[in-house]
Amino acid sequence: MTSLVDVARAAGVAVATASRVLSGSDHPVSAKTRAKVVAAAEKLDYSPSALARAMVSPNSRLMGVLVSDIVNPYFSVIARGVDDVATRAGYVTMLSNVDRSTATEISRLQAMRDYRAAGVIFAGSGYVDDPHRPGLLKAVRQAREQGILAVSLADRDLGCPTITVDHHAAAHDITDHLVALGHRRITFIEGPSGMTVTRQRREGFLARMRDAGLGGGARCVPGGFDYEAGHTATLRLIARRPLPDAVLAANDEVAVGALGALRQAGIDVPGEISVAGINDLRVAQHVGLTTVSLPLYEMGSLAARHIIESAPGAATDGAATTTLSHRLVPRETTARRPPER
């Protein structure tokens, strides 16, 4: 397939010059040079890709999405919401994995500035105490000054619009469901240490347990956001019997890991112990997991719409927060606590 480099070589000009001619840039190029580039493009049947057009256009149609873990289904659903809206509007979505690193987010944001992206969506949570936070705030501000819109899908106070859910309330409500089923000793398997969303979900769990007068039955154990974290944490619980009445996991992946460990040990779920998660990903539906449904697709699609509808008004887009509703989804992994344990 013919590339821009091929066209530049055939015309005997720099790649940047060929790009300016074929993108319709206002940068001054002589009529003779312009004619050579156009002739070379026609001869080679050059057709720039959508990504190339997005990157060279003065009004870029490139939309960056920064995700904490590219294999986590949580971000897959968000990214699909972004891409569906972006594609219909003629935008190109660029997905980038940042491995929960703020320093990497800063680097990726700089790359989006170099590509003159229309906007960047921060899909992941930040850290409670983050030494790189001042650098990220500066990078977001510089991007906005350059006309690049930023949207955050977590409570990070980045000085840009935020579209999120109430993670504290989501954990509170699923804990309330477990308490209503008669469970008194409930263990919460936490998410990654230090992350804001981990703290919010843990505090929602603890708040409901305290309100119910069950603070003494509440236990938090280290975990993560993947299957292995839930499996390992639950194996430790099994080794330190007695078992809790119920396990609430920081997300569905962790809950499925907990289910695997319990069933491996021959422990009946929900006959002996209830298990619940948060997010309502596809895996939760497949295993009948009780969880809280978060509007992840809607978060992504709304973020994309904001960028499309606000461009090029980056300097005045504000920092308002939109909080979407969550929904309790009871399924087969929870049941009323047996009268005798």
C-alpha atoms as a PDB file:
ATOM      1  CA  MET A   1       0.000   0.000   0.000  1.00  0.00           C
ATOM      2  CA  THR A   2       1.342   3.418  -0.969  1.00  0.00           C
ATOM      3  CA  SER A   3       2.388   5.576   1.964  1.00  0.00           C
ATOM      4  CA  LEU A   4       2.964   9.291   2.400  1.00  0.00           C
ATOM      5  CA  VAL A   5       6.696   8.559   2.410  1.00  0.00           C
ATOM      6  CA  ASP A   6       6.381   6.995  -1.061  1.00  0.00           C
ATOM      7  CA  VAL A   7       4.600  10.089  -2.370  1.00  0.00           C
ATOM      8  CA  ALA A   8       7.225  12.418  -0.888  1.00  0.00           C
ATOM      9  CA  ARG A   9      10.029  10.356  -2.399  1.00  0.00           C
ATOM     10  CA  ALA A  10       8.407  10.320  -5.840  1.00  0.00           C
ATOM     11  CA  ALA A  11       7.853  14.080  -5.723  1.00  0.00           C
ATOM     12  CA  GLY A  12      11.353  14.759  -4.409  1.00  0.00           C
ATOM     13  CA  VAL A  13      10.122  16.647  -1.346  1.00  0.00           C
ATOM     14  CA  ALA A  14      10.174  16.236   2.413  1.00  0.00           C
ATOM     15  CA  VAL A  15       7.462  14.109   4.033  1.00  0.00           C
ATOM     16  CA  ALA A  16       6.276  17.186   5.941  1.00  0.00           C
ATOM     17  CA  THR A  17       5.840  19.082   2.685  1.00  0.00           C
ATOM     18  CA  ALA A  18       3.841  16.251   1.114  1.00  0.00           C
ATOM     19  CA  SER A  19       1.705  16.093   4.232  1.00  0.00           C
ATOM     20  CA  ARG A  20       0.948  19.826   4.075  1.00  0.00           C
ATOM     21  CA  VAL A  21      -0.094  19.640   0.469  1.00  0.00           C
ATOM     22  CA  LEU A  22      -2.314  16.569   0.799  1.00  0.00           C
ATOM     23  CA  SER A  23      -3.920  17.652   4.080  1.00  0.00           C
ATOM     24  CA  GLY A  24      -4.908  21.076   2.763  1.00  0.00           C
ATOM     25  CA  SER A  25      -2.723  22.874   5.287  1.00  0.00           C
ATOM     26  CA  ASP A  26      -2.432  26.664   5.072  1.00  0.00           C
ATOM     27  CA  HIS A  27       1.342  26.401   5.437  1.00  0.00           C
ATOM     28  CA  PRO A  28       2.935  28.124   2.415  1.00  0.00           C
ATOM     29  CA  VAL A  29       4.053  25.727  -0.344  1.00  0.00           C
ATOM     30  CA  SER A  30       5.005  26.885  -3.860  1.00  0.00           C
ATOM     31  CA  ALA A  31       2.627  26.131  -6.715  1.00  0.00           C
ATOM     32  CA  LYS A  32       5.340  24.123  -8.473  1.00  0.00           C
ATOM     33  CA  THR A  33       5.993  21.946  -5.435  1.00  0.00           C
ATOM     34  CA  ARG A  34       2.296  21.513  -4.783  1.00  0.00           C
ATOM     35  CA  ALA A  35       1.764  20.349  -8.375  1.00  0.00           C
ATOM     36  CA  LYS A  36       4.595  17.800  -8.072  1.00  0.00           C
ATOM     37  CA  VAL A  37       3.110  16.334  -4.886  1.00  0.00           C
ATOM     38  CA  VAL A  38      -0.400  16.102  -6.331  1.00  0.00           C
ATOM     39  CA  ALA A  39       0.920  14.479  -9.515  1.00  0.00           C
ATOM     40  CA  ALA A  40       2.926  11.934  -7.521  1.00  0.00           C
ATOM     41  CA  ALA A  41      -0.080  11.117  -5.336  1.00  0.00           C
ATOM     42  CA  GLU A  42      -2.298  10.575  -8.362  1.00  0.00           C
ATOM     43  CA  LYS A  43       0.302   8.454 -10.137  1.00  0.00           C
ATOM     44  CA  LEU A  44       0.794   6.234  -7.082  1.00  0.00           C
ATOM     45  CA  ASP A  45      -2.952   6.134  -6.343  1.00  0.00           C
ATOM     46  CA  TYR A  46      -2.248   7.387  -2.830  1.00  0.00           C
ATOM     47  CA  SER A  47      -5.164   7.311  -0.406  1.00  0.00           C
ATOM     48  CA  PRO A  48      -4.324   8.420   3.147  1.00  0.00           C
ATOM     49  CA  SER A  49      -5.678   6.292   5.959  1.00  0.00           C
ATOM     50  CA  ALA A  50      -8.228   7.696   8.364  1.00  0.00           C
ATOM     51  CA  LEU A  51      -5.556   7.750  11.070  1.00  0.00           C
ATOM     52  CA  ALA A  52      -3.132   9.644   8.844  1.00  0.00           C
ATOM     53  CA  ARG A  53      -5.819  12.189   7.944  1.00  0.00           C
ATOM     54  CA  ALA A  54      -6.674  12.610  11.601  1.00  0.00           C
ATOM     55  CA  MET A  55      -3.064  13.229  12.543  1.00  0.00           C
ATOM     56  CA  VAL A  56      -2.266  15.786   9.850  1.00  0.00           C
ATOM     57  CA  SER A  57      -5.553  17.666   9.856  1.00  0.00           C
ATOM     58  CA  PRO A  58      -5.506  21.086  11.540  1.00  0.00           C
ATOM     59  CA  ASN A  59      -8.873  20.091  13.059  1.00  0.00           C
ATOM     60  CA  SER A  60      -7.860  16.601  14.172  1.00  0.00           C
ATOM     61  CA  ARG A  61     -10.441  13.841  14.429  1.00  0.00           C
ATOM     62  CA  LEU A  62      -8.251  11.714  16.648  1.00  0.00           C
ATOM     63  CA  MET A  63      -9.561  10.743  20.099  1.00  0.00           C
ATOM     64  CA  GLY A  64      -7.207   9.210  22.677  1.00  0.00           C
ATOM     65  CA  VAL A  65      -8.391   6.829  25.414  1.00  0.00           C
ATOM     66  CA  LEU A  66      -5.963   6.121  28.263  1.00  0.00           C
ATOM     67  CA  VAL A  67      -6.790   2.907  30.144  1.00  0.00           C
ATOM     68  CA  SER A  68      -5.187   1.473  33.270  1.00  0.00           C
ATOM     69  CA  ASP A  69      -5.155  -2.135  32.053  1.00  0.00           C
ATOM     70  CA  ILE A  70      -5.971  -2.909  28.453  1.00  0.00           C
ATOM     71  CA  VAL A  71      -6.966  -6.538  29.182  1.00  0.00           C
ATOM     72  CA  ASN A  72      -9.410  -5.571  31.943  1.00  0.00           C
ATOM     73  CA  PRO A  73     -13.002  -5.958  30.610  1.00  0.00           C
ATOM     74  CA  TYR A  74     -14.007  -2.842  32.567  1.00  0.00           C
ATOM     75  CA  PHE A  75     -12.028  -0.730  30.112  1.00  0.00           C
ATOM     76  CA  SER A  76     -13.114  -2.763  27.095  1.00  0.00           C
ATOM     77  CA  VAL A  77     -16.727  -1.765  27.699  1.00  0.00           C
ATOM     78  CA  ILE A  78     -15.780   1.900  28.163  1.00  0.00           C
ATOM     79  CA  ALA A  79     -13.632   1.855  25.026  1.00  0.00           C
ATOM     80  CA  ARG A  80     -16.483   0.345  23.005  1.00  0.00           C
ATOM     81  CA  GLY A  81     -18.747   3.171  24.132  1.00  0.00           C
ATOM     82  CA  VAL A  82     -16.146   5.723  23.057  1.00  0.00           C
ATOM     83  CA  ASP A  83     -15.417   4.080  19.714  1.00  0.00           C
ATOM     84  CA  ASP A  84     -19.035   3.553  18.685  1.00  0.00           C
ATOM     85  CA  VAL A  85     -19.777   7.262  19.055  1.00  0.00           C
ATOM     86  CA  ALA A  86     -16.421   8.368  17.631  1.00  0.00           C
ATOM     87  CA  THR A  87     -16.707   6.180  14.543  1.00  0.00           C
ATOM     88  CA  ARG A  88     -20.194   7.432  13.694  1.00  0.00           C
ATOM     89  CA  ALA A  89     -18.870  10.998  13.840  1.00  0.00           C
ATOM     90  CA  GLY A  90     -15.853  10.242  11.646  1.00  0.00           C
ATOM     91  CA  TYR A  91     -13.299  10.214  14.455  1.00  0.00           C
ATOM     92  CA  VAL A  92     -10.470   7.709  14.978  1.00  0.00           C
ATOM     93  CA  THR A  93     -10.007   6.205  18.453  1.00  0.00           C
ATOM     94  CA  MET A  94      -6.504   5.512  19.746  1.00  0.00           C
ATOM     95  CA  LEU A  95      -6.448   3.221  22.806  1.00  0.00           C
ATOM     96  CA  SER A  96      -3.363   3.342  25.021  1.00  0.00           C
ATOM     97  CA  ASN A  97      -2.428   1.208  28.038  1.00  0.00           C
ATOM     98  CA  VAL A  98      -0.827   3.137  30.923  1.00  0.00           C
ATOM     99  CA  ASP A  99      -0.429   0.325  33.506  1.00  0.00           C
ATOM    100  CA  ARG A 100      -1.889   2.493  36.291  1.00  0.00           C
ATOM    101  CA  SER A 101       1.098   4.834  35.955  1.00  0.00           C
ATOM    102  CA  THR A 102       0.547   8.582  36.144  1.00  0.00           C
ATOM    103  CA  ALA A 103       3.966   9.172  34.601  1.00  0.00           C
ATOM    104  CA  THR A 104       2.892   7.095  31.606  1.00  0.00           C
ATOM    105  CA  GLU A 105      -0.353   9.081  31.363  1.00  0.00           C
ATOM    106  CA  ILE A 106       1.700  12.270  31.118  1.00  0.00           C
ATOM    107  CA  SER A 107       3.818  10.729  28.352  1.00  0.00           C
ATOM    108  CA  ARG A 108       0.763   9.524  26.423  1.00  0.00           C
ATOM    109  CA  LEU A 109      -0.907  12.909  26.780  1.00  0.00           C
ATOM    110  CA  GLN A 110       2.179  14.518  25.261  1.00  0.00           C
ATOM    111  CA  ALA A 111       1.898  12.112  22.328  1.00  0.00           C
ATOM    112  CA  MET A 112      -1.750  13.103  21.881  1.00  0.00           C
ATOM    113  CA  ARG A 113      -0.631  16.738  21.791  1.00  0.00           C
ATOM    114  CA  ASP A 114       1.913  15.907  19.115  1.00  0.00           C
ATOM    115  CA  TYR A 115      -0.857  14.247  17.068  1.00  0.00           C
ATOM    116  CA  ARG A 116      -3.102  17.296  17.664  1.00  0.00           C
ATOM    117  CA  ALA A 117      -5.834  15.046  19.023  1.00  0.00           C
ATOM    118  CA  ALA A 118      -9.315  16.478  19.416  1.00  0.00           C
ATOM    119  CA  GLY A 119      -9.526  15.075  22.920  1.00  0.00           C
ATOM    120  CA  VAL A 120      -8.180  12.619  25.465  1.00  0.00           C
ATOM    121  CA  ILE A 121     -10.261  10.466  27.813  1.00  0.00           C
ATOM    122  CA  PHE A 122      -8.735   9.367  31.126  1.00  0.00           C
ATOM    123  CA  ALA A 123     -10.612   6.119  31.725  1.00  0.00           C
ATOM    124  CA  GLY A 124      -8.837   4.927  34.869  1.00  0.00           C
ATOM    125  CA  SER A 125      -8.697   5.968  38.501  1.00  0.00           C
ATOM    126  CA  GLY A 126      -5.804   7.864  40.032  1.00  0.00           C
ATOM    127  CA  TYR A 127      -3.980   7.477  43.337  1.00  0.00           C
ATOM    128  CA  VAL A 128      -4.851   8.955  46.714  1.00  0.00           C
ATOM    129  CA  ASP A 129      -1.286  10.240  47.236  1.00  0.00           C
ATOM    130  CA  ASP A 130       0.321  10.705  43.829  1.00  0.00           C
ATOM    131  CA  PRO A 131       3.739  12.400  43.528  1.00  0.00           C
ATOM    132  CA  HIS A 132       3.170  12.771  39.761  1.00  0.00           C
ATOM    133  CA  ARG A 133      -0.137  14.584  40.145  1.00  0.00           C
ATOM    134  CA  PRO A 134       1.292  18.140  39.704  1.00  0.00           C
ATOM    135  CA  GLY A 135       2.928  17.045  36.456  1.00  0.00           C
ATOM    136  CA  LEU A 136      -0.326  15.566  35.177  1.00  0.00           C
ATOM    137  CA  LEU A 137      -2.294  18.699  36.072  1.00  0.00           C
ATOM    138  CA  LYS A 138       0.252  20.786  34.180  1.00  0.00           C
ATOM    139  CA  ALA A 139       0.072  18.474  31.153  1.00  0.00           C
ATOM    140  CA  VAL A 140      -3.731  18.604  31.100  1.00  0.00           C
ATOM    141  CA  ARG A 141      -3.666  22.395  31.336  1.00  0.00           C
ATOM    142  CA  GLN A 142      -1.157  22.646  28.479  1.00  0.00           C
ATOM    143  CA  ALA A 143      -3.275  20.314  26.356  1.00  0.00           C
ATOM    144  CA  ARG A 144      -6.364  22.453  26.978  1.00  0.00           C
ATOM    145  CA  GLU A 145      -4.419  25.578  25.996  1.00  0.00           C
ATOM    146  CA  GLN A 146      -3.508  23.826  22.765  1.00  0.00           C
ATOM    147  CA  GLY A 147      -7.199  23.112  22.116  1.00  0.00           C
ATOM    148  CA  ILE A 148      -7.228  19.467  23.192  1.00  0.00           C
ATOM    149  CA  LEU A 149     -10.238  18.537  25.310  1.00  0.00           C
ATOM    150  CA  ALA A 150      -9.776  16.242  28.296  1.00  0.00           C
ATOM    151  CA  VAL A 151     -12.447  14.161  30.027  1.00  0.00           C
ATOM    152  CA  SER A 152     -11.977  12.035  33.145  1.00  0.00           C
ATOM    153  CA  LEU A 153     -14.065   8.966  33.946  1.00  0.00           C
ATOM    154  CA  ALA A 154     -13.027   8.922  37.611  1.00  0.00           C
ATOM    155  CA  ASP A 155     -12.912  11.430  40.469  1.00  0.00           C
ATOM    156  CA  ARG A 156      -9.430  12.841  39.879  1.00  0.00           C
ATOM    157  CA  ASP A 157      -9.907  16.626  39.986  1.00  0.00           C
ATOM    158  CA  LEU A 158      -7.937  17.203  36.786  1.00  0.00           C
ATOM    159  CA  GLY A 159      -9.603  20.503  35.997  1.00  0.00           C
ATOM    160  CA  CYS A 160     -11.630  18.944  33.205  1.00  0.00           C
ATOM    161  CA  PRO A 161     -15.155  17.515  32.870  1.00  0.00           C
ATOM    162  CA  THR A 162     -15.730  14.284  34.797  1.00  0.00           C
ATOM    163  CA  ILE A 163     -18.241  11.569  33.893  1.00  0.00           C
ATOM    164  CA  THR A 164     -18.327   8.902  36.570  1.00  0.00           C
ATOM    165  CA  VAL A 165     -20.345   6.823  39.013  1.00  0.00           C
ATOM    166  CA  ASP A 166     -20.546   6.954  42.800  1.00  0.00           C
ATOM    167  CA  HIS A 167     -18.241   4.068  43.742  1.00  0.00           C
ATOM    168  CA  HIS A 168     -18.832   4.669  47.461  1.00  0.00           C
ATOM    169  CA  ALA A 169     -22.599   4.350  46.972  1.00  0.00           C
ATOM    170  CA  ALA A 170     -22.232   1.289  44.738  1.00  0.00           C
ATOM    171  CA  ALA A 171     -20.254  -0.571  47.411  1.00  0.00           C
ATOM    172  CA  HIS A 172     -22.647   0.683  50.102  1.00  0.00           C
ATOM    173  CA  ASP A 173     -25.672  -0.659  48.198  1.00  0.00           C
ATOM    174  CA  ILE A 174     -24.268  -4.118  47.475  1.00  0.00           C
ATOM    175  CA  THR A 175     -23.216  -4.376  51.141  1.00  0.00           C
ATOM    176  CA  ASP A 176     -26.734  -3.376  52.146  1.00  0.00           C
ATOM    177  CA  HIS A 177     -28.064  -6.245  50.038  1.00  0.00           C
ATOM    178  CA  LEU A 178     -25.789  -8.720  51.840  1.00  0.00           C
ATOM    179  CA  VAL A 179     -26.806  -7.335  55.234  1.00  0.00           C
ATOM    180  CA  ALA A 180     -30.486  -7.615  54.273  1.00  0.00           C
ATOM    181  CA  LEU A 181     -29.894 -11.312  53.553  1.00  0.00           C
ATOM    182  CA  GLY A 182     -28.819 -11.752  57.172  1.00  0.00           C
ATOM    183  CA  HIS A 183     -25.052 -11.816  56.670  1.00  0.00           C
ATOM    184  CA  ARG A 184     -23.161 -10.409  59.628  1.00  0.00           C
ATOM    185  CA  ARG A 185     -19.521 -11.289  59.012  1.00  0.00           C
ATOM    186  CA  ILE A 186     -18.580  -9.925  55.599  1.00  0.00           C
ATOM    187  CA  THR A 187     -15.090  -9.745  54.096  1.00  0.00           C
ATOM    188  CA  PHE A 188     -14.211  -7.167  51.458  1.00  0.00           C
ATOM    189  CA  ILE A 189     -11.430  -8.054  49.000  1.00  0.00           C
ATOM    190  CA  GLU A 190      -9.885  -4.723  48.095  1.00  0.00           C
ATOM    191  CA  GLY A 191      -8.643  -3.395  44.765  1.00  0.00           C
ATOM    192  CA  PRO A 192      -5.063  -2.237  44.057  1.00  0.00           C
ATOM    193  CA  SER A 193      -3.454  -0.471  46.982  1.00  0.00           C
ATOM    194  CA  GLY A 194      -3.464   3.322  46.977  1.00  0.00           C
ATOM    195  CA  MET A 195      -5.990   3.831  44.195  1.00  0.00           C
ATOM    196  CA  THR A 196      -8.834   6.296  44.732  1.00  0.00           C
ATOM    197  CA  VAL A 197     -11.496   3.871  43.493  1.00  0.00           C
ATOM    198  CA  THR A 198     -10.193   1.230  45.940  1.00  0.00           C
ATOM    199  CA  ARG A 199     -10.607   3.657  48.815  1.00  0.00           C
ATOM    200  CA  GLN A 200     -14.067   4.749  47.674  1.00  0.00           C
ATOM    201  CA  ARG A 201     -15.394   1.189  47.431  1.00  0.00           C
ATOM    202  CA  ARG A 202     -13.794   0.132  50.707  1.00  0.00           C
ATOM    203  CA  GLU A 203     -15.247   3.126  52.534  1.00  0.00           C
ATOM    204  CA  GLY A 204     -18.699   2.454  51.060  1.00  0.00           C
ATOM    205  CA  PHE A 205     -18.521  -1.103  52.387  1.00  0.00           C
ATOM    206  CA  LEU A 206     -17.325  -0.048  55.839  1.00  0.00           C
ATOM    207  CA  ALA A 207     -19.896   2.756  56.111  1.00  0.00           C
ATOM    208  CA  ARG A 208     -22.816   0.365  55.577  1.00  0.00           C
ATOM    209  CA  MET A 209     -21.381  -2.168  58.019  1.00  0.00           C
ATOM    210  CA  ARG A 210     -21.001   0.525  60.685  1.00  0.00           C
ATOM    211  CA  ASP A 211     -24.512   1.841  60.049  1.00  0.00           C
ATOM    212  CA  ALA A 212     -25.844  -1.681  60.559  1.00  0.00           C
ATOM    213  CA  GLY A 213     -23.916  -2.031  63.821  1.00  0.00           C
ATOM    214  CA  LEU A 214     -21.729  -4.710  62.216  1.00  0.00           C
ATOM    215  CA  GLY A 215     -18.377  -2.949  62.271  1.00  0.00           C
ATOM    216  CA  GLY A 216     -16.883  -5.808  64.238  1.00  0.00           C
ATOM    217  CA  GLY A 217     -17.869  -8.243  61.493  1.00  0.00           C
ATOM    218  CA  ALA A 218     -16.309  -6.194  58.701  1.00  0.00           C
ATOM    219  CA  ARG A 219     -12.934  -7.277  57.405  1.00  0.00           C
ATOM    220  CA  CYS A 220     -10.857  -5.885  54.539  1.00  0.00           C
ATOM    221  CA  VAL A 221      -8.105  -7.950  52.927  1.00  0.00           C
ATOM    222  CA  PRO A 222      -5.585  -7.014  50.203  1.00  0.00           C
ATOM    223  CA  GLY A 223      -6.493  -7.941  46.663  1.00  0.00           C
ATOM    224  CA  GLY A 224      -6.359  -6.345  43.224  1.00  0.00           C
ATOM    225  CA  PHE A 225      -8.548  -6.059  40.160  1.00  0.00           C
ATOM    226  CA  ASP A 226      -7.980  -9.432  38.476  1.00  0.00           C
ATOM    227  CA  TYR A 227      -9.019 -13.080  38.823  1.00  0.00           C
ATOM    228  CA  GLU A 228      -5.750 -14.134  40.421  1.00  0.00           C
ATOM    229  CA  ALA A 229      -6.079 -11.527  43.173  1.00  0.00           C
ATOM    230  CA  GLY A 230      -9.524 -12.814  44.130  1.00  0.00           C
ATOM    231  CA  HIS A 231      -8.453 -16.445  43.973  1.00  0.00           C
ATOM    232  CA  THR A 232      -5.359 -15.890  46.136  1.00  0.00           C
ATOM    233  CA  ALA A 233      -7.147 -13.741  48.721  1.00  0.00           C
ATOM    234  CA  THR A 234      -9.920 -16.317  49.075  1.00  0.00           C
ATOM    235  CA  LEU A 235      -7.492 -19.204  49.484  1.00  0.00           C
ATOM    236  CA  ARG A 236      -6.065 -17.289  52.443  1.00  0.00           C
ATOM    237  CA  LEU A 237      -9.562 -16.829  53.878  1.00  0.00           C
ATOM    238  CA  ILE A 238     -10.232 -20.553  53.570  1.00  0.00           C
ATOM    239  CA  ALA A 239      -6.987 -21.359  55.386  1.00  0.00           C
ATOM    240  CA  ARG A 240      -7.952 -19.077  58.291  1.00  0.00           C
ATOM    241  CA  ARG A 241     -11.415 -20.422  59.065  1.00  0.00           C
ATOM    242  CA  PRO A 242     -14.062 -19.829  60.211  1.00  0.00           C
ATOM    243  CA  LEU A 243     -15.330 -18.535  56.888  1.00  0.00           C
ATOM    244  CA  PRO A 244     -17.162 -15.199  56.717  1.00  0.00           C
ATOM    245  CA  ASP A 245     -20.861 -15.217  55.896  1.00  0.00           C
ATOM    246  CA  ALA A 246     -20.183 -13.427  52.640  1.00  0.00           C
ATOM    247  CA  VAL A 247     -17.395 -12.100  50.441  1.00  0.00           C
ATOM    248  CA  LEU A 248     -17.717  -8.796  48.611  1.00  0.00           C
ATOM    249  CA  ALA A 249     -15.068  -8.312  45.943  1.00  0.00           C
ATOM    250  CA  ALA A 250     -13.781  -4.986  44.638  1.00  0.00           C
ATOM    251  CA  ASN A 251     -14.926  -5.962  41.142  1.00  0.00           C
ATOM    252  CA  ASP A 252     -16.420  -8.870  39.197  1.00  0.00           C
ATOM    253  CA  GLU A 253     -13.094 -10.326  38.088  1.00  0.00           C
ATOM    254  CA  VAL A 254     -12.003 -10.610  41.711  1.00  0.00           C
ATOM    255  CA  ALA A 255     -15.376 -12.094  42.677  1.00  0.00           C
ATOM    256  CA  VAL A 256     -15.046 -14.798  40.003  1.00  0.00           C
ATOM    257  CA  GLY A 257     -11.585 -15.584  41.366  1.00  0.00           C
ATOM    258  CA  ALA A 258     -13.145 -15.953  44.807  1.00  0.00           C
ATOM    259  CA  LEU A 259     -15.813 -18.266  43.385  1.00  0.00           C
ATOM    260  CA  GLY A 260     -13.141 -20.433  41.803  1.00  0.00           C
ATOM    261  CA  ALA A 261     -11.219 -20.802  45.056  1.00  0.00           C
ATOM    262  CA  LEU A 262     -14.345 -21.633  47.076  1.00  0.00           C
ATOM    263  CA  ARG A 263     -15.584 -24.231  44.614  1.00  0.00           C
ATOM    264  CA  GLN A 264     -12.106 -25.708  44.363  1.00  0.00           C
ATOM    265  CA  ALA A 265     -12.235 -26.198  48.144  1.00  0.00           C
ATOM    266  CA  GLY A 266     -15.674 -27.819  47.938  1.00  0.00           C
ATOM    267  CA  ILE A 267     -17.431 -24.908  49.649  1.00  0.00           C
ATOM    268  CA  ASP A 268     -21.006 -24.363  48.513  1.00  0.00           C
ATOM    269  CA  VAL A 269     -21.878 -20.957  47.078  1.00  0.00           C
ATOM    270  CA  PRO A 270     -24.331 -19.605  48.153  1.00  0.00           C
ATOM    271  CA  GLY A 271     -25.264 -22.434  50.565  1.00  0.00           C
ATOM    272  CA  GLU A 272     -22.311 -21.829  52.897  1.00  0.00           C
ATOM    273  CA  ILE A 273     -21.095 -18.433  51.782  1.00  0.00           C
ATOM    274  CA  SER A 274     -22.416 -15.681  49.523  1.00  0.00           C
ATOM    275  CA  VAL A 275     -20.222 -13.902  46.967  1.00  0.00           C
ATOM    276  CA  ALA A 276     -20.827 -10.550  45.260  1.00  0.00           C
ATOM    277  CA  GLY A 277     -18.937  -8.163  43.009  1.00  0.00           C
ATOM    278  CA  ILE A 278     -19.137  -4.720  41.419  1.00  0.00           C
ATOM    279  CA  ASN A 279     -19.353  -3.651  37.712  1.00  0.00           C
ATOM    280  CA  ASP A 280     -21.695  -6.244  36.089  1.00  0.00           C
ATOM    281  CA  LEU A 281     -19.337  -7.288  33.328  1.00  0.00           C
ATOM    282  CA  ARG A 282     -20.177 -10.089  30.917  1.00  0.00           C
ATOM    283  CA  VAL A 283     -18.380 -12.644  33.087  1.00  0.00           C
ATOM    284  CA  ALA A 284     -20.739 -11.803  35.978  1.00  0.00           C
ATOM    285  CA  GLN A 285     -23.734 -12.594  33.816  1.00  0.00           C
ATOM    286  CA  HIS A 286     -22.222 -15.911  32.703  1.00  0.00           C
ATOM    287  CA  VAL A 287     -21.579 -17.199  36.239  1.00  0.00           C
ATOM    288  CA  GLY A 288     -24.744 -15.787  37.826  1.00  0.00           C
ATOM    289  CA  LEU A 289     -22.822 -13.343  40.033  1.00  0.00           C
ATOM    290  CA  THR A 290     -24.702 -10.901  42.243  1.00  0.00           C
ATOM    291  CA  THR A 291     -23.212  -7.485  41.538  1.00  0.00           C
ATOM    292  CA  VAL A 292     -23.818  -3.783  40.967  1.00  0.00           C
ATOM    293  CA  SER A 293     -24.254  -2.729  37.356  1.00  0.00           C
ATOM    294  CA  LEU A 294     -22.232   0.355  36.418  1.00  0.00           C
ATOM    295  CA  PRO A 295     -23.038   2.221  33.171  1.00  0.00           C
ATOM    296  CA  LEU A 296     -19.558   1.786  31.683  1.00  0.00           C
ATOM    297  CA  TYR A 297     -20.646   1.912  28.038  1.00  0.00           C
ATOM    298  CA  GLU A 298     -22.606   5.101  28.700  1.00  0.00           C
ATOM    299  CA  MET A 299     -19.592   6.671  30.435  1.00  0.00           C
ATOM    300  CA  GLY A 300     -17.485   6.078  27.347  1.00  0.00           C
ATOM    301  CA  SER A 301     -20.115   7.213  24.880  1.00  0.00           C
ATOM    302  CA  LEU A 302     -20.889  10.391  26.833  1.00  0.00           C
ATOM    303  CA  ALA A 303     -17.192  11.240  27.044  1.00  0.00           C
ATOM    304  CA  ALA A 304     -16.863  10.861  23.273  1.00  0.00           C
ATOM    305  CA  ARG A 305     -19.956  13.003  22.678  1.00  0.00           C
ATOM    306  CA  HIS A 306     -18.573  15.705  24.936  1.00  0.00           C
ATOM    307  CA  ILE A 307     -15.364  15.899  22.912  1.00  0.00           C
ATOM    308  CA  ILE A 308     -17.193  15.905  19.578  1.00  0.00           C
ATOM    309  CA  GLU A 309     -19.820  18.460  20.601  1.00  0.00           C
ATOM    310  CA  SER A 310     -17.454  20.771  22.495  1.00  0.00           C
ATOM    311  CA  ALA A 311     -14.652  21.013  19.934  1.00  0.00           C
ATOM    312  CA  PRO A 312     -13.026  23.399  19.377  1.00  0.00           C
ATOM    313  CA  GLY A 313     -14.126  25.103  22.623  1.00  0.00           C
ATOM    314  CA  ALA A 314     -11.449  23.596  24.831  1.00  0.00           C
ATOM    315  CA  ALA A 315     -10.695  26.826  26.645  1.00  0.00           C
ATOM    316  CA  THR A 316     -14.221  27.133  28.032  1.00  0.00           C
ATOM    317  CA  ASP A 317     -15.405  23.548  28.535  1.00  0.00           C
ATOM    318  CA  GLY A 318     -15.262  23.796  32.349  1.00  0.00           C
ATOM    319  CA  ALA A 319     -14.836  21.069  34.935  1.00  0.00           C
ATOM    320  CA  ALA A 320     -18.370  19.927  35.744  1.00  0.00           C
ATOM    321  CA  THR A 321     -19.012  16.433  37.108  1.00  0.00           C
ATOM    322  CA  THR A 322     -21.737  14.152  35.769  1.00  0.00           C
ATOM    323  CA  THR A 323     -22.562  11.210  38.038  1.00  0.00           C
ATOM    324  CA  LEU A 324     -24.437   8.343  36.402  1.00  0.00           C
ATOM    325  CA  SER A 325     -26.694   5.891  38.245  1.00  0.00           C
ATOM    326  CA  HIS A 326     -25.798   2.337  39.224  1.00  0.00           C
ATOM    327  CA  ARG A 327     -28.140  -0.610  39.726  1.00  0.00           C
ATOM    328  CA  LEU A 328     -28.168  -3.608  42.082  1.00  0.00           C
ATOM    329  CA  VAL A 329     -28.351  -6.946  40.224  1.00  0.00           C
ATOM    330  CA  PRO A 330     -29.092  -9.910  42.555  1.00  0.00           C
ATOM    331  CA  ARG A 331     -28.238 -13.311  41.061  1.00  0.00           C
ATOM    332  CA  GLU A 332     -27.455 -16.881  42.146  1.00  0.00           C
ATOM    333  CA  THR A 333     -24.239 -16.356  44.143  1.00  0.00           C
ATOM    334  CA  THR A 334     -26.008 -14.789  47.121  1.00  0.00           C
ATOM    335  CA  ALA A 335     -28.723 -16.219  49.373  1.00  0.00           C
ATOM    336  CA  ARG A 336     -30.229 -15.647  52.777  1.00  0.00           C
ATOM    337  CA  ARG A 337     -27.898 -16.649  55.597  1.00  0.00           C
ATOM    338  CA  PRO A 338     -28.728 -20.111  56.994  1.00  0.00           C
ATOM    339  CA  PRO A 339     -30.053 -20.037  60.574  1.00  0.00           C
ATOM    340  CA  GLU A 340     -27.191 -22.202  61.812  1.00  0.00           C
ATOM    341  CA  ARG A 341     -23.548 -21.917  60.798  1.00  0.00           C
END
